[in-house]
Amino acid sequence: MRVLIIALHKNDKPISASFELIGAAKSVSQDIQTVFLAENATGGAQELASRGGGKVLAISKPVFKYFNEEAYASAVSGVIKSHQPEVVLAPASLNGKALMSRLAALNGGCMASEAIGLEVEGGQLVVKRSHYGGSVVSKVIKNGNSPFFVTVRLKIFPESKEGSGEVINESIDDSKISAKSRVVESKVEAAGEVSLTEADVIVSAGRGMKGPEHVPLVQELAKSVGGAFGASRAIVDAGWVPYSHQVGQTGKTVNPKLYIAVGISGAIQHLVGMRTSGTIVAINKDKDAPIFNVANYGIVGDAFEIVPALTAKFKKELST
């Protein structure tokens, strides 16, 4: 089965999810192609090839400096028509899902979003999806002969570290790139701030921190372990932290290797967004808090004593 990976970029460099997609593709196929669109795609394409991206189609154009789903969709549709993949993979990020839904519509394909597993049964790709906070897992199989468009949840598959591949510089005529909108500027997170969806470690605060003046204690803990700072919906709604930090059903779904929940009771809306994390550590003074039902490790006690102690310990250990 021929798999086409859509590798997205940040400043002409493939995002980490691109290498996760290569790992996902390797689990079901040996016939892998990757399309990489950027202002200058050559360097990023070479890295993708060296890490198992197969035939990497490098497409360089100024219009691809910033993500524009219209421009991307028209260019990738051309690649799909010429290379005829059976499966198309993209990250289940905001940009990835927007792009794939448009591609599925333009190419008459089926789409499955937020895949947590890929398998081959009877020569067909089977996509596993999670529902109801992980309590139900469904299997999705495409219907028809058109490509199967699948977005893969971040941090599910390990990044491909090595492999074989080659870079093929593809050219697309400007007349083939259709976009009614134009991106003139992209504002990103502050320098040094770790993205929630890409972080290996997340430390989140909840209403148990009692007030916005105490949130920096949790932010400092996150910083001490090189992690991202998250938050429950309760403190976002209360105006303590911006929505961009919200983890949960109405925020971001995350899958870090380590998730530390501080003062978070564990409402189902929050659990839906983080329960698939590799290891979950809960800190709460209420021993009956629902968060302990999903935690691998629980610390019952006062967060105002535990968090500073952990921060000091991590700073000391990581500095030596």
C-alpha atoms as a PDB file:
ATOM      1  CA  MET A   1       0.000   0.000   0.000  1.00  0.00           C
ATOM      2  CA  ARG A   2       1.419   3.354  -1.049  1.00  0.00           C
ATOM      3  CA  VAL A   3       1.349   5.918   1.767  1.00  0.00           C
ATOM      4  CA  LEU A   4       1.799   9.648   1.229  1.00  0.00           C
ATOM      5  CA  ILE A   5       2.862  11.711   4.249  1.00  0.00           C
ATOM      6  CA  ILE A   6       2.184  15.435   4.378  1.00  0.00           C
ATOM      7  CA  ALA A   7       5.038  16.951   6.390  1.00  0.00           C
ATOM      8  CA  LEU A   8       4.243  20.414   7.744  1.00  0.00           C
ATOM      9  CA  HIS A   9       6.963  22.876   8.668  1.00  0.00           C
ATOM     10  CA  LYS A  10       7.926  25.715  10.960  1.00  0.00           C
ATOM     11  CA  ASN A  11      10.478  28.118   9.507  1.00  0.00           C
ATOM     12  CA  ASP A  12      11.261  25.647   6.698  1.00  0.00           C
ATOM     13  CA  LYS A  13      12.031  22.845   9.174  1.00  0.00           C
ATOM     14  CA  PRO A  14       9.754  19.799   9.523  1.00  0.00           C
ATOM     15  CA  ILE A  15       7.791  19.797  12.761  1.00  0.00           C
ATOM     16  CA  SER A  16       8.356  16.818  15.075  1.00  0.00           C
ATOM     17  CA  ALA A  17       4.962  15.368  14.137  1.00  0.00           C
ATOM     18  CA  SER A  18       6.328  14.760  10.626  1.00  0.00           C
ATOM     19  CA  PHE A  19       8.751  12.162  11.994  1.00  0.00           C
ATOM     20  CA  GLU A  20       5.942  10.593  14.035  1.00  0.00           C
ATOM     21  CA  LEU A  21       4.015  10.194  10.771  1.00  0.00           C
ATOM     22  CA  ILE A  22       6.986   8.404   9.217  1.00  0.00           C
ATOM     23  CA  GLY A  23       6.957   6.032  12.185  1.00  0.00           C
ATOM     24  CA  ALA A  24       3.222   5.486  11.714  1.00  0.00           C
ATOM     25  CA  ALA A  25       3.638   4.847   7.975  1.00  0.00           C
ATOM     26  CA  LYS A  26       6.451   2.346   8.581  1.00  0.00           C
ATOM     27  CA  SER A  27       4.126   0.279  10.782  1.00  0.00           C
ATOM     28  CA  VAL A  28       1.818  -0.475   7.838  1.00  0.00           C
ATOM     29  CA  SER A  29       3.811  -0.001   4.625  1.00  0.00           C
ATOM     30  CA  GLN A  30       7.209  -0.079   2.968  1.00  0.00           C
ATOM     31  CA  ASP A  31       6.078   2.093   0.062  1.00  0.00           C
ATOM     32  CA  ILE A  32       6.329   5.573   1.586  1.00  0.00           C
ATOM     33  CA  GLN A  33       6.375   8.985  -0.023  1.00  0.00           C
ATOM     34  CA  THR A  34       6.491  12.348   1.706  1.00  0.00           C
ATOM     35  CA  VAL A  35       5.496  15.733   0.338  1.00  0.00           C
ATOM     36  CA  PHE A  36       7.164  18.757   1.919  1.00  0.00           C
ATOM     37  CA  LEU A  37       6.068  22.265   0.995  1.00  0.00           C
ATOM     38  CA  ALA A  38       8.045  25.255   2.265  1.00  0.00           C
ATOM     39  CA  GLU A  39       9.569  28.510   1.064  1.00  0.00           C
ATOM     40  CA  ASN A  40      12.850  26.601   0.793  1.00  0.00           C
ATOM     41  CA  ALA A  41      12.070  22.894   1.092  1.00  0.00           C
ATOM     42  CA  THR A  42      15.472  21.395   0.243  1.00  0.00           C
ATOM     43  CA  GLY A  43      17.054  21.214   3.706  1.00  0.00           C
ATOM     44  CA  GLY A  44      13.934  19.937   5.426  1.00  0.00           C
ATOM     45  CA  ALA A  45      13.363  17.382   2.676  1.00  0.00           C
ATOM     46  CA  GLN A  46      16.879  16.008   3.163  1.00  0.00           C
ATOM     47  CA  GLU A  47      16.241  15.538   6.886  1.00  0.00           C
ATOM     48  CA  LEU A  48      12.952  13.761   6.169  1.00  0.00           C
ATOM     49  CA  ALA A  49      14.698  11.454   3.689  1.00  0.00           C
ATOM     50  CA  SER A  50      17.483  10.626   6.160  1.00  0.00           C
ATOM     51  CA  ARG A  51      14.892   9.582   8.744  1.00  0.00           C
ATOM     52  CA  GLY A  52      12.916   7.193   6.587  1.00  0.00           C
ATOM     53  CA  GLY A  53      10.612   9.465   4.607  1.00  0.00           C
ATOM     54  CA  GLY A  54      11.088   7.435   1.426  1.00  0.00           C
ATOM     55  CA  LYS A  55      10.759   9.451  -1.741  1.00  0.00           C
ATOM     56  CA  VAL A  56      10.517  13.000  -0.427  1.00  0.00           C
ATOM     57  CA  LEU A  57       8.895  15.420  -2.863  1.00  0.00           C
ATOM     58  CA  ALA A  58      10.350  18.858  -2.105  1.00  0.00           C
ATOM     59  CA  ILE A  59       8.243  21.759  -3.333  1.00  0.00           C
ATOM     60  CA  SER A  60       9.734  25.215  -2.762  1.00  0.00           C
ATOM     61  CA  LYS A  61       7.683  28.367  -3.290  1.00  0.00           C
ATOM     62  CA  PRO A  62       7.279  31.674  -1.411  1.00  0.00           C
ATOM     63  CA  VAL A  63       3.541  30.977  -1.021  1.00  0.00           C
ATOM     64  CA  PHE A  64       4.417  28.075   1.295  1.00  0.00           C
ATOM     65  CA  LYS A  65       6.340  30.238   3.772  1.00  0.00           C
ATOM     66  CA  TYR A  66       3.235  30.222   5.995  1.00  0.00           C
ATOM     67  CA  PHE A  67       0.530  27.589   6.206  1.00  0.00           C
ATOM     68  CA  ASN A  68      -2.387  28.347   3.886  1.00  0.00           C
ATOM     69  CA  GLU A  69      -4.796  25.426   3.613  1.00  0.00           C
ATOM     70  CA  GLU A  70      -6.129  26.558   0.224  1.00  0.00           C
ATOM     71  CA  ALA A  71      -2.681  26.781  -1.351  1.00  0.00           C
ATOM     72  CA  TYR A  72      -1.504  23.586   0.322  1.00  0.00           C
ATOM     73  CA  ALA A  73      -4.622  21.667  -0.705  1.00  0.00           C
ATOM     74  CA  SER A  74      -4.359  22.630  -4.362  1.00  0.00           C
ATOM     75  CA  ALA A  75      -0.647  21.717  -4.475  1.00  0.00           C
ATOM     76  CA  VAL A  76      -1.046  18.406  -2.622  1.00  0.00           C
ATOM     77  CA  SER A  77      -4.069  17.501  -4.763  1.00  0.00           C
ATOM     78  CA  GLY A  78      -1.769  17.700  -7.772  1.00  0.00           C
ATOM     79  CA  VAL A  79       0.691  15.369  -6.054  1.00  0.00           C
ATOM     80  CA  ILE A  80      -2.111  12.933  -5.214  1.00  0.00           C
ATOM     81  CA  LYS A  81      -3.303  12.848  -8.827  1.00  0.00           C
ATOM     82  CA  SER A  82       0.193  12.198 -10.188  1.00  0.00           C
ATOM     83  CA  HIS A  83       1.425   9.715  -7.559  1.00  0.00           C
ATOM     84  CA  GLN A  84      -1.852   7.898  -6.736  1.00  0.00           C
ATOM     85  CA  PRO A  85      -1.376   7.069  -3.032  1.00  0.00           C
ATOM     86  CA  GLU A  86      -3.844   4.754  -1.337  1.00  0.00           C
ATOM     87  CA  VAL A  87      -3.404   6.425   2.047  1.00  0.00           C
ATOM     88  CA  VAL A  88      -2.588  10.037   2.930  1.00  0.00           C
ATOM     89  CA  LEU A  89      -1.351  10.869   6.452  1.00  0.00           C
ATOM     90  CA  ALA A  90      -1.142  14.247   8.202  1.00  0.00           C
ATOM     91  CA  PRO A  91      -0.848  15.300  11.859  1.00  0.00           C
ATOM     92  CA  ALA A  92      -4.060  15.757  13.829  1.00  0.00           C
ATOM     93  CA  SER A  93      -3.097  19.347  14.580  1.00  0.00           C
ATOM     94  CA  LEU A  94      -5.316  22.350  13.851  1.00  0.00           C
ATOM     95  CA  ASN A  95      -3.596  22.877  10.487  1.00  0.00           C
ATOM     96  CA  GLY A  96      -3.415  19.178   9.675  1.00  0.00           C
ATOM     97  CA  LYS A  97      -7.126  18.561  10.238  1.00  0.00           C
ATOM     98  CA  ALA A  98      -8.131  21.667   8.288  1.00  0.00           C
ATOM     99  CA  LEU A  99      -5.963  20.608   5.358  1.00  0.00           C
ATOM    100  CA  MET A 100      -7.068  16.970   5.320  1.00  0.00           C
ATOM    101  CA  SER A 101     -10.790  17.713   5.417  1.00  0.00           C
ATOM    102  CA  ARG A 102     -10.336  19.983   2.394  1.00  0.00           C
ATOM    103  CA  LEU A 103      -8.208  17.375   0.599  1.00  0.00           C
ATOM    104  CA  ALA A 104     -10.776  14.642   1.231  1.00  0.00           C
ATOM    105  CA  ALA A 105     -13.508  16.843  -0.257  1.00  0.00           C
ATOM    106  CA  LEU A 106     -11.412  17.869  -3.274  1.00  0.00           C
ATOM    107  CA  ASN A 107     -10.342  14.304  -4.045  1.00  0.00           C
ATOM    108  CA  GLY A 108     -13.536  12.438  -3.233  1.00  0.00           C
ATOM    109  CA  GLY A 109     -11.910  10.488  -0.430  1.00  0.00           C
ATOM    110  CA  CYS A 110     -12.885   9.114   2.965  1.00  0.00           C
ATOM    111  CA  MET A 111     -11.400  10.680   6.085  1.00  0.00           C
ATOM    112  CA  ALA A 112     -10.679   9.440   9.610  1.00  0.00           C
ATOM    113  CA  SER A 113      -9.511  11.955  12.184  1.00  0.00           C
ATOM    114  CA  GLU A 114      -7.416  11.593  15.350  1.00  0.00           C
ATOM    115  CA  ALA A 115      -6.111   8.064  14.672  1.00  0.00           C
ATOM    116  CA  ILE A 116      -4.512   6.386  17.690  1.00  0.00           C
ATOM    117  CA  GLY A 117      -3.500   3.226  15.829  1.00  0.00           C
ATOM    118  CA  LEU A 118      -2.993   1.848  12.321  1.00  0.00           C
ATOM    119  CA  GLU A 119      -3.257  -1.788  11.229  1.00  0.00           C
ATOM    120  CA  VAL A 120      -3.548  -3.774   8.013  1.00  0.00           C
ATOM    121  CA  GLU A 121      -6.278  -6.395   7.823  1.00  0.00           C
ATOM    122  CA  GLY A 122      -6.995  -8.270   4.619  1.00  0.00           C
ATOM    123  CA  GLY A 123      -4.881  -5.853   2.634  1.00  0.00           C
ATOM    124  CA  GLN A 124      -6.863  -2.844   3.892  1.00  0.00           C
ATOM    125  CA  LEU A 125      -5.823  -0.104   6.272  1.00  0.00           C
ATOM    126  CA  VAL A 126      -7.723  -0.153   9.546  1.00  0.00           C
ATOM    127  CA  VAL A 127      -7.709   3.047  11.590  1.00  0.00           C
ATOM    128  CA  LYS A 128      -8.300   2.956  15.341  1.00  0.00           C
ATOM    129  CA  ARG A 129     -10.056   5.944  16.910  1.00  0.00           C
ATOM    130  CA  SER A 130     -10.756   6.763  20.542  1.00  0.00           C
ATOM    131  CA  HIS A 131     -14.171   7.870  21.834  1.00  0.00           C
ATOM    132  CA  TYR A 132     -15.741   8.886  25.150  1.00  0.00           C
ATOM    133  CA  GLY A 133     -12.457   9.733  26.783  1.00  0.00           C
ATOM    134  CA  GLY A 134     -10.782   6.512  25.688  1.00  0.00           C
ATOM    135  CA  SER A 135     -13.446   4.143  27.042  1.00  0.00           C
ATOM    136  CA  VAL A 136     -14.403   3.071  23.503  1.00  0.00           C
ATOM    137  CA  VAL A 137     -12.079   2.351  20.563  1.00  0.00           C
ATOM    138  CA  SER A 138     -13.570   1.998  17.086  1.00  0.00           C
ATOM    139  CA  LYS A 139     -12.092   0.641  13.873  1.00  0.00           C
ATOM    140  CA  VAL A 140     -12.582   2.558  10.622  1.00  0.00           C
ATOM    141  CA  ILE A 141     -12.087   1.070   7.145  1.00  0.00           C
ATOM    142  CA  LYS A 142     -12.367   3.159   3.987  1.00  0.00           C
ATOM    143  CA  ASN A 143     -15.191   2.662   1.520  1.00  0.00           C
ATOM    144  CA  GLY A 144     -14.370   2.856  -2.200  1.00  0.00           C
ATOM    145  CA  ASN A 145     -11.209   3.181  -4.262  1.00  0.00           C
ATOM    146  CA  SER A 146     -10.358   6.810  -3.538  1.00  0.00           C
ATOM    147  CA  PRO A 147      -7.486   7.700  -1.170  1.00  0.00           C
ATOM    148  CA  PHE A 148      -7.985   7.270   2.574  1.00  0.00           C
ATOM    149  CA  PHE A 149      -7.180  10.554   4.354  1.00  0.00           C
ATOM    150  CA  VAL A 150      -6.085  10.004   7.962  1.00  0.00           C
ATOM    151  CA  THR A 151      -4.932  12.460  10.611  1.00  0.00           C
ATOM    152  CA  VAL A 152      -2.806  10.890  13.330  1.00  0.00           C
ATOM    153  CA  ARG A 153      -2.993  12.053  16.933  1.00  0.00           C
ATOM    154  CA  LEU A 154       0.244  13.635  18.102  1.00  0.00           C
ATOM    155  CA  LYS A 155       2.617  11.796  20.431  1.00  0.00           C
ATOM    156  CA  ILE A 156       1.058   8.384  19.719  1.00  0.00           C
ATOM    157  CA  PHE A 157       3.728   6.979  17.404  1.00  0.00           C
ATOM    158  CA  PRO A 158       7.464   7.331  18.160  1.00  0.00           C
ATOM    159  CA  GLU A 159       9.481   9.562  15.875  1.00  0.00           C
ATOM    160  CA  SER A 160      11.402   7.780  13.131  1.00  0.00           C
ATOM    161  CA  LYS A 161      15.085   8.349  13.852  1.00  0.00           C
ATOM    162  CA  GLU A 162      16.641   6.784  10.778  1.00  0.00           C
ATOM    163  CA  GLY A 163      15.893   5.144   7.475  1.00  0.00           C
ATOM    164  CA  SER A 164      16.418   5.404   3.761  1.00  0.00           C
ATOM    165  CA  GLY A 165      15.044   7.933   1.338  1.00  0.00           C
ATOM    166  CA  GLU A 166      15.757  10.288  -1.508  1.00  0.00           C
ATOM    167  CA  VAL A 167      14.850  13.882  -2.282  1.00  0.00           C
ATOM    168  CA  ILE A 168      13.003  14.657  -5.500  1.00  0.00           C
ATOM    169  CA  ASN A 169      12.599  18.343  -6.317  1.00  0.00           C
ATOM    170  CA  GLU A 170       9.091  18.798  -7.666  1.00  0.00           C
ATOM    171  CA  SER A 171       7.944  21.869  -9.554  1.00  0.00           C
ATOM    172  CA  ILE A 172       4.374  23.152  -9.634  1.00  0.00           C
ATOM    173  CA  ASP A 173       3.231  25.902 -11.925  1.00  0.00           C
ATOM    174  CA  ASP A 174       1.822  28.904 -10.064  1.00  0.00           C
ATOM    175  CA  SER A 175      -1.392  28.587 -12.077  1.00  0.00           C
ATOM    176  CA  LYS A 176      -2.005  25.223 -10.368  1.00  0.00           C
ATOM    177  CA  ILE A 177      -1.987  26.794  -6.904  1.00  0.00           C
ATOM    178  CA  SER A 178      -5.414  28.184  -6.136  1.00  0.00           C
ATOM    179  CA  ALA A 179      -5.978  30.340  -3.045  1.00  0.00           C
ATOM    180  CA  LYS A 180      -8.428  33.182  -2.481  1.00  0.00           C
ATOM    181  CA  SER A 181      -6.711  34.118   0.766  1.00  0.00           C
ATOM    182  CA  ARG A 182      -3.111  35.145   1.428  1.00  0.00           C
ATOM    183  CA  VAL A 183      -1.185  34.829   4.690  1.00  0.00           C
ATOM    184  CA  VAL A 184       0.912  37.932   5.279  1.00  0.00           C
ATOM    185  CA  GLU A 185       2.115  37.288   8.834  1.00  0.00           C
ATOM    186  CA  SER A 186       2.274  34.514  11.384  1.00  0.00           C
ATOM    187  CA  LYS A 187       2.445  35.253  15.104  1.00  0.00           C
ATOM    188  CA  VAL A 188       3.871  32.397  17.138  1.00  0.00           C
ATOM    189  CA  GLU A 189       4.192  31.633  20.837  1.00  0.00           C
ATOM    190  CA  ALA A 190       6.710  33.593  22.844  1.00  0.00           C
ATOM    191  CA  ALA A 191      10.304  32.487  22.478  1.00  0.00           C
ATOM    192  CA  GLY A 192      11.186  29.677  24.823  1.00  0.00           C
ATOM    193  CA  GLU A 193       7.579  28.618  25.437  1.00  0.00           C
ATOM    194  CA  VAL A 194       6.967  24.945  24.739  1.00  0.00           C
ATOM    195  CA  SER A 195       3.944  24.029  22.605  1.00  0.00           C
ATOM    196  CA  LEU A 196       1.370  21.916  24.453  1.00  0.00           C
ATOM    197  CA  THR A 197       0.702  19.612  21.506  1.00  0.00           C
ATOM    198  CA  GLU A 198       4.410  18.943  20.905  1.00  0.00           C
ATOM    199  CA  ALA A 199       5.629  18.743  24.515  1.00  0.00           C
ATOM    200  CA  ASP A 200       6.993  15.537  26.043  1.00  0.00           C
ATOM    201  CA  VAL A 201       6.249  16.889  29.524  1.00  0.00           C
ATOM    202  CA  ILE A 202       3.229  18.954  30.584  1.00  0.00           C
ATOM    203  CA  VAL A 203       2.524  20.409  34.019  1.00  0.00           C
ATOM    204  CA  SER A 204      -1.057  21.673  34.433  1.00  0.00           C
ATOM    205  CA  ALA A 205      -2.721  23.779  37.097  1.00  0.00           C
ATOM    206  CA  GLY A 206      -6.288  23.621  38.357  1.00  0.00           C
ATOM    207  CA  ARG A 207      -8.586  25.484  40.700  1.00  0.00           C
ATOM    208  CA  GLY A 208      -6.765  23.930  43.632  1.00  0.00           C
ATOM    209  CA  MET A 209      -4.144  26.667  43.188  1.00  0.00           C
ATOM    210  CA  LYS A 210      -6.780  28.983  44.743  1.00  0.00           C
ATOM    211  CA  GLY A 211      -5.944  32.101  42.734  1.00  0.00           C
ATOM    212  CA  PRO A 212      -4.057  33.493  39.722  1.00  0.00           C
ATOM    213  CA  GLU A 213      -1.294  34.749  41.990  1.00  0.00           C
ATOM    214  CA  HIS A 214      -0.295  31.132  42.715  1.00  0.00           C
ATOM    215  CA  VAL A 215      -0.242  29.898  39.096  1.00  0.00           C
ATOM    216  CA  PRO A 216       3.448  30.921  38.658  1.00  0.00           C
ATOM    217  CA  LEU A 217       4.344  28.132  41.123  1.00  0.00           C
ATOM    218  CA  VAL A 218       3.112  25.559  38.586  1.00  0.00           C
ATOM    219  CA  GLN A 219       4.626  27.450  35.657  1.00  0.00           C
ATOM    220  CA  GLU A 220       7.993  27.372  37.409  1.00  0.00           C
ATOM    221  CA  LEU A 221       7.685  23.615  37.927  1.00  0.00           C
ATOM    222  CA  ALA A 222       6.969  23.169  34.220  1.00  0.00           C
ATOM    223  CA  LYS A 223       9.973  25.329  33.351  1.00  0.00           C
ATOM    224  CA  SER A 224      12.245  23.361  35.693  1.00  0.00           C
ATOM    225  CA  VAL A 225      11.597  20.125  33.745  1.00  0.00           C
ATOM    226  CA  GLY A 226      11.640  21.740  30.320  1.00  0.00           C
ATOM    227  CA  GLY A 227       7.921  21.142  29.909  1.00  0.00           C
ATOM    228  CA  ALA A 228       4.859  23.025  28.744  1.00  0.00           C
ATOM    229  CA  PHE A 229       2.351  24.692  31.049  1.00  0.00           C
ATOM    230  CA  GLY A 230      -1.269  23.568  30.835  1.00  0.00           C
ATOM    231  CA  ALA A 231      -4.474  24.464  32.624  1.00  0.00           C
ATOM    232  CA  SER A 232      -7.922  23.157  33.425  1.00  0.00           C
ATOM    233  CA  ARG A 233     -11.018  24.769  31.939  1.00  0.00           C
ATOM    234  CA  ALA A 234     -12.013  26.053  35.377  1.00  0.00           C
ATOM    235  CA  ILE A 235      -9.076  28.431  35.716  1.00  0.00           C
ATOM    236  CA  VAL A 236      -9.245  29.455  32.049  1.00  0.00           C
ATOM    237  CA  ASP A 237     -12.920  30.378  32.467  1.00  0.00           C
ATOM    238  CA  ALA A 238     -11.990  32.227  35.636  1.00  0.00           C
ATOM    239  CA  GLY A 239      -9.526  34.337  33.650  1.00  0.00           C
ATOM    240  CA  TRP A 240      -6.420  33.139  35.478  1.00  0.00           C
ATOM    241  CA  VAL A 241      -4.623  31.984  32.309  1.00  0.00           C
ATOM    242  CA  PRO A 242      -5.232  32.345  28.542  1.00  0.00           C
ATOM    243  CA  TYR A 243      -7.298  29.782  26.635  1.00  0.00           C
ATOM    244  CA  SER A 244      -4.225  28.706  24.647  1.00  0.00           C
ATOM    245  CA  HIS A 245      -3.123  26.704  27.726  1.00  0.00           C
ATOM    246  CA  GLN A 246      -6.389  24.805  28.214  1.00  0.00           C
ATOM    247  CA  VAL A 247      -6.230  21.014  28.175  1.00  0.00           C
ATOM    248  CA  GLY A 248      -9.432  19.048  27.772  1.00  0.00           C
ATOM    249  CA  GLN A 249     -12.500  18.421  25.667  1.00  0.00           C
ATOM    250  CA  THR A 250     -12.919  22.098  24.768  1.00  0.00           C
ATOM    251  CA  GLY A 251      -9.188  22.791  24.768  1.00  0.00           C
ATOM    252  CA  LYS A 252      -6.223  20.810  23.466  1.00  0.00           C
ATOM    253  CA  THR A 253      -5.895  17.029  23.426  1.00  0.00           C
ATOM    254  CA  VAL A 254      -2.354  16.143  24.495  1.00  0.00           C
ATOM    255  CA  ASN A 255      -0.282  12.966  24.679  1.00  0.00           C
ATOM    256  CA  PRO A 256       2.987  13.763  26.481  1.00  0.00           C
ATOM    257  CA  LYS A 257       5.303  11.173  27.954  1.00  0.00           C
ATOM    258  CA  LEU A 258       4.694  12.742  31.381  1.00  0.00           C
ATOM    259  CA  TYR A 259       1.645  14.716  32.566  1.00  0.00           C
ATOM    260  CA  ILE A 260       1.634  16.324  36.014  1.00  0.00           C
ATOM    261  CA  ALA A 261      -1.752  17.580  37.244  1.00  0.00           C
ATOM    262  CA  VAL A 262      -1.574  20.054  40.116  1.00  0.00           C
ATOM    263  CA  GLY A 263      -4.758  20.906  41.985  1.00  0.00           C
ATOM    264  CA  ILE A 264      -6.967  19.413  39.263  1.00  0.00           C
ATOM    265  CA  SER A 265      -9.944  17.393  40.501  1.00  0.00           C
ATOM    266  CA  GLY A 266     -10.304  15.327  37.323  1.00  0.00           C
ATOM    267  CA  ALA A 267     -13.591  16.238  35.646  1.00  0.00           C
ATOM    268  CA  ILE A 268     -14.291  14.037  32.626  1.00  0.00           C
ATOM    269  CA  GLN A 269     -13.934  17.055  30.296  1.00  0.00           C
ATOM    270  CA  HIS A 270     -10.307  17.405  31.410  1.00  0.00           C
ATOM    271  CA  LEU A 271      -9.555  13.682  31.413  1.00  0.00           C
ATOM    272  CA  VAL A 272     -10.664  13.382  27.786  1.00  0.00           C
ATOM    273  CA  GLY A 273      -7.807  15.664  26.790  1.00  0.00           C
ATOM    274  CA  MET A 274      -4.943  13.991  28.682  1.00  0.00           C
ATOM    275  CA  ARG A 275      -5.760  10.463  29.828  1.00  0.00           C
ATOM    276  CA  THR A 276      -3.700   8.867  27.022  1.00  0.00           C
ATOM    277  CA  SER A 277      -0.505  10.443  28.396  1.00  0.00           C
ATOM    278  CA  GLY A 278       2.368   8.017  28.986  1.00  0.00           C
ATOM    279  CA  THR A 279       2.668   8.598  32.741  1.00  0.00           C
ATOM    280  CA  ILE A 280       0.252  10.679  34.810  1.00  0.00           C
ATOM    281  CA  VAL A 281       1.181  12.166  38.174  1.00  0.00           C
ATOM    282  CA  ALA A 282      -1.560  13.820  40.247  1.00  0.00           C
ATOM    283  CA  ILE A 283      -1.005  16.228  43.133  1.00  0.00           C
ATOM    284  CA  ASN A 284      -4.158  16.967  45.146  1.00  0.00           C
ATOM    285  CA  LYS A 285      -5.054  17.351  48.794  1.00  0.00           C
ATOM    286  CA  ASP A 286      -8.335  15.433  48.266  1.00  0.00           C
ATOM    287  CA  LYS A 287      -7.529  11.706  48.319  1.00  0.00           C
ATOM    288  CA  ASP A 288     -10.889  10.965  46.678  1.00  0.00           C
ATOM    289  CA  ALA A 289     -10.380  13.292  43.698  1.00  0.00           C
ATOM    290  CA  PRO A 290     -11.308  11.534  40.403  1.00  0.00           C
ATOM    291  CA  ILE A 291      -7.906  12.437  38.924  1.00  0.00           C
ATOM    292  CA  PHE A 292      -6.371   9.645  41.025  1.00  0.00           C
ATOM    293  CA  ASN A 293      -8.435   7.070  39.110  1.00  0.00           C
ATOM    294  CA  VAL A 294      -6.345   7.680  35.961  1.00  0.00           C
ATOM    295  CA  ALA A 295      -3.046   8.621  37.610  1.00  0.00           C
ATOM    296  CA  ASN A 296      -0.075   6.266  37.608  1.00  0.00           C
ATOM    297  CA  TYR A 297       1.275   8.047  40.673  1.00  0.00           C
ATOM    298  CA  GLY A 298      -0.600  10.140  43.192  1.00  0.00           C
ATOM    299  CA  ILE A 299       0.636  12.597  45.803  1.00  0.00           C
ATOM    300  CA  VAL A 300      -1.933  13.520  48.438  1.00  0.00           C
ATOM    301  CA  GLY A 301      -0.982  16.751  50.106  1.00  0.00           C
ATOM    302  CA  ASP A 302      -0.680  20.520  49.973  1.00  0.00           C
ATOM    303  CA  ALA A 303       0.402  21.681  46.496  1.00  0.00           C
ATOM    304  CA  PHE A 304       1.852  24.851  48.012  1.00  0.00           C
ATOM    305  CA  GLU A 305       4.426  22.711  49.820  1.00  0.00           C
ATOM    306  CA  ILE A 306       4.874  19.913  47.259  1.00  0.00           C
ATOM    307  CA  VAL A 307       5.283  21.981  44.080  1.00  0.00           C
ATOM    308  CA  PRO A 308       8.113  24.261  45.335  1.00  0.00           C
ATOM    309  CA  ALA A 309       9.905  21.200  46.750  1.00  0.00           C
ATOM    310  CA  LEU A 310       9.656  19.363  43.422  1.00  0.00           C
ATOM    311  CA  THR A 311      10.816  22.450  41.530  1.00  0.00           C
ATOM    312  CA  ALA A 312      13.888  22.832  43.741  1.00  0.00           C
ATOM    313  CA  LYS A 313      14.674  19.111  43.412  1.00  0.00           C
ATOM    314  CA  PHE A 314      14.357  19.128  39.609  1.00  0.00           C
ATOM    315  CA  LYS A 315      16.472  22.264  39.272  1.00  0.00           C
ATOM    316  CA  LYS A 316      19.202  20.713  41.409  1.00  0.00           C
ATOM    317  CA  GLU A 317      19.179  17.340  39.636  1.00  0.00           C
ATOM    318  CA  LEU A 318      19.031  18.737  36.116  1.00  0.00           C
ATOM    319  CA  SER A 319      21.799  21.269  36.748  1.00  0.00           C
ATOM    320  CA  THR A 320      24.305  18.577  37.761  1.00  0.00           C
END
